[in-house]
Amino acid sequence: MSAVPKGQSADKLSVVYAVRVIEGGEQGFLAMYERIRKSVSRVPGHIIDRLGEPIDDSRQWVITSEWETPEHFFAWQQGEDHRELVAPLREWVEETQSLRYRVIQETVGVKA
């Protein structure tokens, strides 16, 4: 387990974006995510993005991303490029929820 030393602030930011895709909109959503994914991979400070598909019939997808610092994420999120990039995604989504948090501990599994 890796913990941030006492007295130091964690810089890395994790973002969880939950989206409920409209009924029958999975292919449109996936096509838009692919476009967004390619663009965000070139943004300074972006570390990784993950897309989680529901294993039930909930249509609740999850996008998680990690950023070097909160400032990197907010600079991208508040930019005009971001708004233009994600606007078409709204056509395929009924509702969204966004959570942002600093990473203060990480546990890495042991590989056999």
N, C-alpha and C. Protein backbone atom coordinates (compact mmCIF):
# COMPACT_ATOMS: atom_id res chain seq x y z
N MET A 1 0.85 -1.17 0.00
CA MET A 1 0.00 0.00 0.00
C MET A 1 0.89 1.22 0.00
N SER A 2 0.50 2.18 -0.79
CA SER A 2 1.25 3.43 -0.89
C SER A 2 0.38 4.53 -0.30
N ALA A 3 0.87 5.20 0.72
CA ALA A 3 0.13 6.29 1.34
C ALA A 3 0.89 7.58 1.15
N VAL A 4 0.16 8.66 1.09
CA VAL A 4 0.79 9.97 0.99
C VAL A 4 1.38 10.28 2.36
N PRO A 5 2.67 10.66 2.43
CA PRO A 5 3.29 10.96 3.72
C PRO A 5 2.53 12.06 4.46
N LYS A 6 2.50 11.94 5.79
CA LYS A 6 1.82 12.92 6.62
C LYS A 6 2.42 14.30 6.38
N GLY A 7 1.57 15.31 6.28
CA GLY A 7 2.04 16.66 6.07
C GLY A 7 2.14 17.04 4.60
N GLN A 8 1.99 16.07 3.70
CA GLN A 8 2.01 16.38 2.27
C GLN A 8 0.61 16.21 1.71
N SER A 9 0.27 17.03 0.73
CA SER A 9 -1.05 16.88 0.12
C SER A 9 -0.93 15.97 -1.08
N ALA A 10 -1.98 15.23 -1.32
CA ALA A 10 -2.02 14.37 -2.50
C ALA A 10 -2.36 15.24 -3.70
N ASP A 11 -1.62 15.10 -4.76
CA ASP A 11 -1.90 15.90 -5.93
C ASP A 11 -2.83 15.20 -6.90
N LYS A 12 -2.70 13.89 -7.03
CA LYS A 12 -3.46 13.16 -8.04
C LYS A 12 -4.96 13.27 -7.78
N LEU A 13 -5.72 13.46 -8.87
CA LEU A 13 -7.17 13.59 -8.78
C LEU A 13 -7.81 12.43 -9.53
N SER A 14 -8.83 11.82 -8.91
CA SER A 14 -9.65 10.82 -9.57
C SER A 14 -11.03 11.39 -9.81
N VAL A 15 -11.57 11.08 -10.98
CA VAL A 15 -12.91 11.56 -11.35
C VAL A 15 -13.74 10.35 -11.72
N VAL A 16 -14.94 10.26 -11.16
CA VAL A 16 -15.89 9.21 -11.50
C VAL A 16 -17.10 9.90 -12.12
N TYR A 17 -17.41 9.51 -13.33
CA TYR A 17 -18.52 10.10 -14.07
C TYR A 17 -19.50 8.99 -14.40
N ALA A 18 -20.64 8.97 -13.70
CA ALA A 18 -21.66 7.95 -13.93
C ALA A 18 -22.69 8.51 -14.90
N VAL A 19 -23.01 7.74 -15.93
CA VAL A 19 -23.98 8.18 -16.93
C VAL A 19 -25.01 7.09 -17.16
N ARG A 20 -26.25 7.50 -17.23
CA ARG A 20 -27.32 6.56 -17.57
C ARG A 20 -27.63 6.80 -19.05
N VAL A 21 -27.29 5.82 -19.86
CA VAL A 21 -27.45 5.92 -21.31
C VAL A 21 -28.92 5.70 -21.67
N ILE A 22 -29.42 6.46 -22.64
CA ILE A 22 -30.82 6.30 -23.06
C ILE A 22 -31.02 4.89 -23.61
N GLU A 23 -32.24 4.42 -23.51
CA GLU A 23 -32.55 3.07 -24.01
C GLU A 23 -32.25 3.01 -25.50
N GLY A 24 -31.46 2.01 -25.90
CA GLY A 24 -31.08 1.84 -27.29
C GLY A 24 -29.95 2.75 -27.75
N GLY A 25 -29.39 3.53 -26.85
CA GLY A 25 -28.37 4.49 -27.23
C GLY A 25 -26.93 4.05 -27.01
N GLU A 26 -26.73 2.78 -26.72
CA GLU A 26 -25.39 2.30 -26.38
C GLU A 26 -24.38 2.53 -27.50
N GLN A 27 -24.73 2.25 -28.74
CA GLN A 27 -23.76 2.40 -29.83
C GLN A 27 -23.41 3.86 -30.07
N GLY A 28 -24.39 4.75 -30.00
CA GLY A 28 -24.11 6.18 -30.14
C GLY A 28 -23.23 6.68 -28.99
N PHE A 29 -23.52 6.21 -27.78
CA PHE A 29 -22.72 6.59 -26.62
C PHE A 29 -21.29 6.10 -26.79
N LEU A 30 -21.11 4.85 -27.20
CA LEU A 30 -19.76 4.29 -27.38
C LEU A 30 -18.98 5.03 -28.46
N ALA A 31 -19.65 5.40 -29.53
CA ALA A 31 -18.98 6.15 -30.60
C ALA A 31 -18.52 7.52 -30.09
N MET A 32 -19.36 8.18 -29.32
CA MET A 32 -18.98 9.49 -28.77
C MET A 32 -17.86 9.34 -27.74
N TYR A 33 -17.95 8.31 -26.91
CA TYR A 33 -16.89 8.09 -25.91
C TYR A 33 -15.55 7.87 -26.61
N GLU A 34 -15.56 7.13 -27.70
CA GLU A 34 -14.31 6.85 -28.43
C GLU A 34 -13.69 8.17 -28.92
N ARG A 35 -14.51 9.06 -29.40
CA ARG A 35 -14.02 10.36 -29.86
C ARG A 35 -13.45 11.18 -28.71
N ILE A 36 -14.16 11.20 -27.59
CA ILE A 36 -13.72 11.94 -26.42
C ILE A 36 -12.43 11.33 -25.86
N ARG A 37 -12.39 10.02 -25.79
CA ARG A 37 -11.24 9.30 -25.23
C ARG A 37 -9.95 9.64 -25.97
N LYS A 38 -10.03 9.65 -27.27
CA LYS A 38 -8.84 9.96 -28.07
C LYS A 38 -8.37 11.39 -27.84
N SER A 39 -9.31 12.31 -27.71
CA SER A 39 -8.96 13.71 -27.49
C SER A 39 -8.37 13.93 -26.10
N VAL A 40 -9.00 13.37 -25.07
CA VAL A 40 -8.55 13.61 -23.69
C VAL A 40 -7.19 12.96 -23.44
N SER A 41 -6.85 11.93 -24.17
CA SER A 41 -5.56 11.27 -23.96
C SER A 41 -4.38 12.20 -24.26
N ARG A 42 -4.64 13.27 -25.00
CA ARG A 42 -3.59 14.23 -25.35
C ARG A 42 -3.57 15.46 -24.44
N VAL A 43 -4.45 15.51 -23.46
CA VAL A 43 -4.55 16.67 -22.57
C VAL A 43 -3.43 16.61 -21.53
N PRO A 44 -2.71 17.70 -21.32
CA PRO A 44 -1.67 17.71 -20.30
C PRO A 44 -2.23 17.33 -18.93
N GLY A 45 -1.53 16.44 -18.22
CA GLY A 45 -1.94 16.04 -16.89
C GLY A 45 -2.85 14.82 -16.83
N HIS A 46 -3.39 14.40 -17.98
CA HIS A 46 -4.26 13.23 -18.00
C HIS A 46 -3.40 11.97 -17.86
N ILE A 47 -3.81 11.06 -16.95
CA ILE A 47 -3.06 9.83 -16.73
C ILE A 47 -3.75 8.64 -17.39
N ILE A 48 -5.02 8.43 -17.07
CA ILE A 48 -5.73 7.25 -17.59
C ILE A 48 -7.23 7.50 -17.58
N ASP A 49 -7.92 6.85 -18.47
CA ASP A 49 -9.38 6.84 -18.54
C ASP A 49 -9.82 5.39 -18.59
N ARG A 50 -10.93 5.09 -17.95
CA ARG A 50 -11.51 3.74 -18.00
C ARG A 50 -13.00 3.86 -18.23
N LEU A 51 -13.54 2.96 -19.03
CA LEU A 51 -14.99 2.92 -19.27
C LEU A 51 -15.52 1.61 -18.71
N GLY A 52 -16.52 1.71 -17.85
CA GLY A 52 -17.14 0.53 -17.26
C GLY A 52 -18.54 0.33 -17.83
N GLU A 53 -18.77 -0.86 -18.34
CA GLU A 53 -20.07 -1.24 -18.90
C GLU A 53 -20.91 -1.92 -17.82
N PRO A 54 -22.21 -1.64 -17.75
CA PRO A 54 -23.04 -2.29 -16.74
C PRO A 54 -23.14 -3.80 -16.99
N ILE A 55 -23.19 -4.56 -15.90
CA ILE A 55 -23.33 -6.01 -16.04
C ILE A 55 -24.78 -6.44 -15.82
N ASP A 56 -25.65 -5.47 -15.66
CA ASP A 56 -27.08 -5.75 -15.53
C ASP A 56 -27.82 -4.91 -16.58
N ASP A 57 -29.09 -4.74 -16.43
CA ASP A 57 -29.88 -3.99 -17.41
C ASP A 57 -30.07 -2.52 -17.00
N SER A 58 -29.19 -1.99 -16.17
CA SER A 58 -29.40 -0.65 -15.62
C SER A 58 -29.09 0.48 -16.59
N ARG A 59 -28.31 0.22 -17.63
CA ARG A 59 -27.86 1.25 -18.57
C ARG A 59 -26.98 2.29 -17.87
N GLN A 60 -26.45 1.96 -16.67
CA GLN A 60 -25.61 2.85 -15.89
C GLN A 60 -24.14 2.55 -16.18
N TRP A 61 -23.52 3.39 -17.01
CA TRP A 61 -22.12 3.25 -17.38
C TRP A 61 -21.28 4.14 -16.47
N VAL A 62 -20.00 3.81 -16.33
CA VAL A 62 -19.11 4.60 -15.48
C VAL A 62 -17.83 4.90 -16.25
N ILE A 63 -17.46 6.17 -16.24
CA ILE A 63 -16.18 6.60 -16.81
C ILE A 63 -15.34 7.09 -15.64
N THR A 64 -14.15 6.52 -15.48
CA THR A 64 -13.24 6.99 -14.43
C THR A 64 -11.98 7.52 -15.10
N SER A 65 -11.43 8.55 -14.51
CA SER A 65 -10.18 9.09 -15.04
C SER A 65 -9.29 9.53 -13.89
N GLU A 66 -8.00 9.55 -14.17
CA GLU A 66 -7.04 10.04 -13.20
C GLU A 66 -6.23 11.15 -13.84
N TRP A 67 -5.89 12.14 -13.00
CA TRP A 67 -5.18 13.33 -13.44
C TRP A 67 -4.02 13.59 -12.50
N GLU A 68 -2.95 14.14 -13.03
CA GLU A 68 -1.77 14.44 -12.21
C GLU A 68 -2.10 15.39 -11.06
N THR A 69 -2.94 16.39 -11.34
CA THR A 69 -3.36 17.34 -10.31
C THR A 69 -4.80 17.78 -10.60
N PRO A 70 -5.50 18.29 -9.60
CA PRO A 70 -6.82 18.85 -9.85
C PRO A 70 -6.77 19.99 -10.86
N GLU A 71 -5.70 20.78 -10.82
CA GLU A 71 -5.58 21.92 -11.73
C GLU A 71 -5.58 21.47 -13.19
N HIS A 72 -4.93 20.36 -13.49
CA HIS A 72 -4.94 19.85 -14.86
C HIS A 72 -6.37 19.52 -15.30
N PHE A 73 -7.10 18.81 -14.44
CA PHE A 73 -8.46 18.43 -14.79
C PHE A 73 -9.35 19.65 -14.98
N PHE A 74 -9.31 20.58 -14.01
CA PHE A 74 -10.21 21.73 -14.09
C PHE A 74 -9.86 22.66 -15.26
N ALA A 75 -8.59 22.76 -15.60
CA ALA A 75 -8.21 23.56 -16.77
C ALA A 75 -8.83 22.96 -18.03
N TRP A 76 -8.83 21.63 -18.13
CA TRP A 76 -9.43 20.97 -19.29
C TRP A 76 -10.95 21.10 -19.23
N GLN A 77 -11.54 20.80 -18.08
CA GLN A 77 -13.00 20.78 -17.96
C GLN A 77 -13.62 22.15 -18.21
N GLN A 78 -12.95 23.20 -17.81
CA GLN A 78 -13.52 24.54 -17.94
C GLN A 78 -13.20 25.21 -19.27
N GLY A 79 -12.44 24.52 -20.11
CA GLY A 79 -12.08 25.09 -21.40
C GLY A 79 -13.19 24.94 -22.44
N GLU A 80 -13.16 25.80 -23.41
CA GLU A 80 -14.15 25.77 -24.50
C GLU A 80 -14.06 24.47 -25.29
N ASP A 81 -12.85 23.95 -25.48
CA ASP A 81 -12.68 22.69 -26.21
C ASP A 81 -13.45 21.56 -25.55
N HIS A 82 -13.42 21.52 -24.22
CA HIS A 82 -14.12 20.46 -23.48
C HIS A 82 -15.62 20.54 -23.72
N ARG A 83 -16.17 21.72 -23.62
CA ARG A 83 -17.63 21.88 -23.81
C ARG A 83 -18.04 21.43 -25.21
N GLU A 84 -17.28 21.82 -26.21
CA GLU A 84 -17.60 21.43 -27.59
C GLU A 84 -17.46 19.92 -27.78
N LEU A 85 -16.45 19.34 -27.15
CA LEU A 85 -16.19 17.91 -27.30
C LEU A 85 -17.28 17.05 -26.68
N VAL A 86 -17.75 17.41 -25.49
CA VAL A 86 -18.71 16.56 -24.79
C VAL A 86 -20.17 16.89 -25.08
N ALA A 87 -20.45 18.02 -25.70
CA ALA A 87 -21.85 18.41 -25.98
C ALA A 87 -22.63 17.33 -26.73
N PRO A 88 -22.07 16.71 -27.80
CA PRO A 88 -22.83 15.68 -28.51
C PRO A 88 -23.12 14.44 -27.67
N LEU A 89 -22.37 14.21 -26.61
CA LEU A 89 -22.60 13.04 -25.75
C LEU A 89 -23.96 13.12 -25.06
N ARG A 90 -24.41 14.33 -24.79
CA ARG A 90 -25.68 14.52 -24.08
C ARG A 90 -26.87 13.93 -24.84
N GLU A 91 -26.73 13.79 -26.14
CA GLU A 91 -27.81 13.19 -26.96
C GLU A 91 -28.08 11.74 -26.54
N TRP A 92 -27.07 11.07 -25.99
CA TRP A 92 -27.17 9.64 -25.68
C TRP A 92 -27.33 9.35 -24.19
N VAL A 93 -27.45 10.40 -23.37
CA VAL A 93 -27.42 10.23 -21.92
C VAL A 93 -28.66 10.84 -21.28
N GLU A 94 -29.30 10.09 -20.37
CA GLU A 94 -30.48 10.58 -19.63
C GLU A 94 -30.08 11.39 -18.41
N GLU A 95 -29.10 10.90 -17.65
CA GLU A 95 -28.69 11.59 -16.43
C GLU A 95 -27.23 11.31 -16.15
N THR A 96 -26.61 12.21 -15.39
CA THR A 96 -25.19 12.08 -15.08
C THR A 96 -24.94 12.42 -13.62
N GLN A 97 -23.82 11.93 -13.13
CA GLN A 97 -23.34 12.30 -11.81
C GLN A 97 -21.82 12.30 -11.88
N SER A 98 -21.19 13.33 -11.32
CA SER A 98 -19.75 13.45 -11.36
C SER A 98 -19.21 13.57 -9.94
N LEU A 99 -18.23 12.74 -9.61
CA LEU A 99 -17.57 12.78 -8.31
C LEU A 99 -16.09 13.01 -8.55
N ARG A 100 -15.49 13.86 -7.73
CA ARG A 100 -14.05 14.15 -7.85
C ARG A 100 -13.43 14.02 -6.47
N TYR A 101 -12.27 13.37 -6.40
CA TYR A 101 -11.62 13.21 -5.12
C TYR A 101 -10.12 13.06 -5.27
N ARG A 102 -9.40 13.51 -4.24
CA ARG A 102 -7.95 13.36 -4.19
C ARG A 102 -7.61 11.94 -3.78
N VAL A 103 -6.60 11.40 -4.39
CA VAL A 103 -6.12 10.07 -4.02
C VAL A 103 -5.18 10.23 -2.83
N ILE A 104 -5.53 9.61 -1.69
CA ILE A 104 -4.68 9.70 -0.52
C ILE A 104 -4.01 8.37 -0.18
N GLN A 105 -4.55 7.27 -0.72
CA GLN A 105 -3.92 5.97 -0.56
C GLN A 105 -4.22 5.12 -1.78
N GLU A 106 -3.27 4.27 -2.11
CA GLU A 106 -3.45 3.30 -3.19
C GLU A 106 -2.99 1.94 -2.70
N THR A 107 -3.70 0.92 -3.07
CA THR A 107 -3.30 -0.44 -2.77
C THR A 107 -3.15 -1.17 -4.09
N VAL A 108 -1.98 -1.74 -4.31
CA VAL A 108 -1.71 -2.45 -5.55
C VAL A 108 -1.68 -3.94 -5.23
N GLY A 109 -2.38 -4.72 -6.04
CA GLY A 109 -2.42 -6.16 -5.82
C GLY A 109 -1.08 -6.81 -6.10
N VAL A 110 -0.83 -7.90 -5.41
CA VAL A 110 0.40 -8.67 -5.61
C VAL A 110 0.15 -9.67 -6.72
N LYS A 111 1.03 -9.67 -7.71
CA LYS A 111 0.88 -10.59 -8.83
C LYS A 111 1.59 -11.90 -8.50
N ALA A 112 0.90 -12.99 -8.74
CA ALA A 112 1.46 -14.32 -8.44
C ALA A 112 2.46 -14.75 -9.49
